[in-house]
Amino acid sequence: MTADETPPSSEAELRAELQALLRRAYDSELEIEGGWDCRNGTDYPDWDVIVTEVRKNEEREIPSTNE
């Protein structure tokens, strides 16, 4: 996200931002499975982020409305 973009203000918007980020990383052939510490200085809490790939359902999946 750049400075001129509006930050997410709901869980749905955060989920869409994360989905877009993971898709860009996948398209760039980055290894995106694993864990990362997100250290944020004194103004924000620190987070531990874990990403794991999950299997798709056998049934046809409904595409995201963000595509």
C-alpha atoms as a PDB file:
ATOM      1  CA  MET A   1       0.000   0.000   0.000  1.00  0.00           C
ATOM      2  CA  THR A   2       1.282   3.444  -0.840  1.00  0.00           C
ATOM      3  CA  ALA A   3       0.704   6.681   1.060  1.00  0.00           C
ATOM      4  CA  ASP A   4      -2.091   7.773  -1.317  1.00  0.00           C
ATOM      5  CA  GLU A   5      -4.132   4.572  -0.822  1.00  0.00           C
ATOM      6  CA  THR A   6      -6.962   4.366   1.679  1.00  0.00           C
ATOM      7  CA  PRO A   7      -6.218   1.895   4.494  1.00  0.00           C
ATOM      8  CA  PRO A   8      -8.698  -0.919   5.108  1.00  0.00           C
ATOM      9  CA  SER A   9     -11.466   0.049   7.522  1.00  0.00           C
ATOM     10  CA  SER A  10     -13.263  -3.294   7.864  1.00  0.00           C
ATOM     11  CA  GLU A  11     -12.396  -6.974   8.168  1.00  0.00           C
ATOM     12  CA  ALA A  12     -13.616  -7.534   4.595  1.00  0.00           C
ATOM     13  CA  GLU A  13     -11.317  -4.794   3.273  1.00  0.00           C
ATOM     14  CA  LEU A  14      -8.366  -6.199   5.242  1.00  0.00           C
ATOM     15  CA  ARG A  15      -9.089  -9.671   3.850  1.00  0.00           C
ATOM     16  CA  ALA A  16      -9.187  -8.247   0.304  1.00  0.00           C
ATOM     17  CA  GLU A  17      -5.843  -6.461   0.846  1.00  0.00           C
ATOM     18  CA  LEU A  18      -4.247  -9.657   2.171  1.00  0.00           C
ATOM     19  CA  GLN A  19      -5.664 -11.681  -0.728  1.00  0.00           C
ATOM     20  CA  ALA A  20      -4.279  -9.187  -3.253  1.00  0.00           C
ATOM     21  CA  LEU A  21      -0.853  -9.185  -1.548  1.00  0.00           C
ATOM     22  CA  LEU A  22      -0.642 -12.986  -1.493  1.00  0.00           C
ATOM     23  CA  ARG A  23      -1.708 -13.226  -5.144  1.00  0.00           C
ATOM     24  CA  ARG A  24       0.964 -10.699  -6.193  1.00  0.00           C
ATOM     25  CA  ALA A  25       3.586 -12.654  -4.234  1.00  0.00           C
ATOM     26  CA  TYR A  26       2.449 -15.940  -5.810  1.00  0.00           C
ATOM     27  CA  ASP A  27       2.503 -14.412  -9.308  1.00  0.00           C
ATOM     28  CA  SER A  28       6.067 -13.225  -8.578  1.00  0.00           C
ATOM     29  CA  GLU A  29       6.977 -16.819  -7.683  1.00  0.00           C
ATOM     30  CA  LEU A  30       7.907 -15.934  -4.110  1.00  0.00           C
ATOM     31  CA  GLU A  31       7.816 -18.592  -1.396  1.00  0.00           C
ATOM     32  CA  ILE A  32       4.912 -17.316   0.671  1.00  0.00           C
ATOM     33  CA  GLU A  33       4.413 -20.205   3.059  1.00  0.00           C
ATOM     34  CA  GLY A  34       5.906 -19.754   6.500  1.00  0.00           C
ATOM     35  CA  GLY A  35       5.995 -17.311   9.360  1.00  0.00           C
ATOM     36  CA  TRP A  36       7.161 -13.744   9.742  1.00  0.00           C
ATOM     37  CA  ASP A  37       7.612 -11.463  12.712  1.00  0.00           C
ATOM     38  CA  CYS A  38       6.251  -7.999  11.991  1.00  0.00           C
ATOM     39  CA  ARG A  39       8.065  -5.621  14.325  1.00  0.00           C
ATOM     40  CA  ASN A  40       6.486  -2.179  14.342  1.00  0.00           C
ATOM     41  CA  GLY A  41       8.443   0.039  16.706  1.00  0.00           C
ATOM     42  CA  THR A  42       6.873   1.670  19.725  1.00  0.00           C
ATOM     43  CA  ASP A  43       3.737   3.142  18.106  1.00  0.00           C
ATOM     44  CA  TYR A  44       2.122  -0.158  17.037  1.00  0.00           C
ATOM     45  CA  PRO A  45       1.919  -3.702  18.409  1.00  0.00           C
ATOM     46  CA  ASP A  46       4.122  -6.409  16.950  1.00  0.00           C
ATOM     47  CA  TRP A  47       2.504  -9.324  15.106  1.00  0.00           C
ATOM     48  CA  ASP A  48       3.468 -12.848  14.150  1.00  0.00           C
ATOM     49  CA  VAL A  49       2.044 -13.772  10.742  1.00  0.00           C
ATOM     50  CA  ILE A  50       1.792 -17.395   9.623  1.00  0.00           C
ATOM     51  CA  VAL A  51       0.759 -18.324   6.080  1.00  0.00           C
ATOM     52  CA  THR A  52      -0.067 -21.889   5.077  1.00  0.00           C
ATOM     53  CA  GLU A  53      -1.433 -23.168   1.802  1.00  0.00           C
ATOM     54  CA  VAL A  54      -4.730 -25.030   2.082  1.00  0.00           C
ATOM     55  CA  ARG A  55      -6.257 -27.518  -0.310  1.00  0.00           C
ATOM     56  CA  LYS A  56      -9.203 -26.426  -2.387  1.00  0.00           C
ATOM     57  CA  ASN A  57     -12.549 -28.140  -1.856  1.00  0.00           C
ATOM     58  CA  GLU A  58     -13.471 -30.906  -4.264  1.00  0.00           C
ATOM     59  CA  GLU A  59     -16.620 -28.978  -5.148  1.00  0.00           C
ATOM     60  CA  ARG A  60     -16.467 -26.052  -7.543  1.00  0.00           C
ATOM     61  CA  GLU A  61     -15.393 -22.950  -5.656  1.00  0.00           C
ATOM     62  CA  ILE A  62     -17.223 -19.661  -5.991  1.00  0.00           C
ATOM     63  CA  PRO A  63     -14.798 -16.973  -7.280  1.00  0.00           C
ATOM     64  CA  SER A  64     -14.059 -13.977  -5.100  1.00  0.00           C
ATOM     65  CA  THR A  65     -15.896 -10.765  -5.928  1.00  0.00           C
ATOM     66  CA  ASN A  66     -12.512  -9.013  -5.820  1.00  0.00           C
ATOM     67  CA  GLU A  67     -11.335 -10.548  -9.090  1.00  0.00           C
END
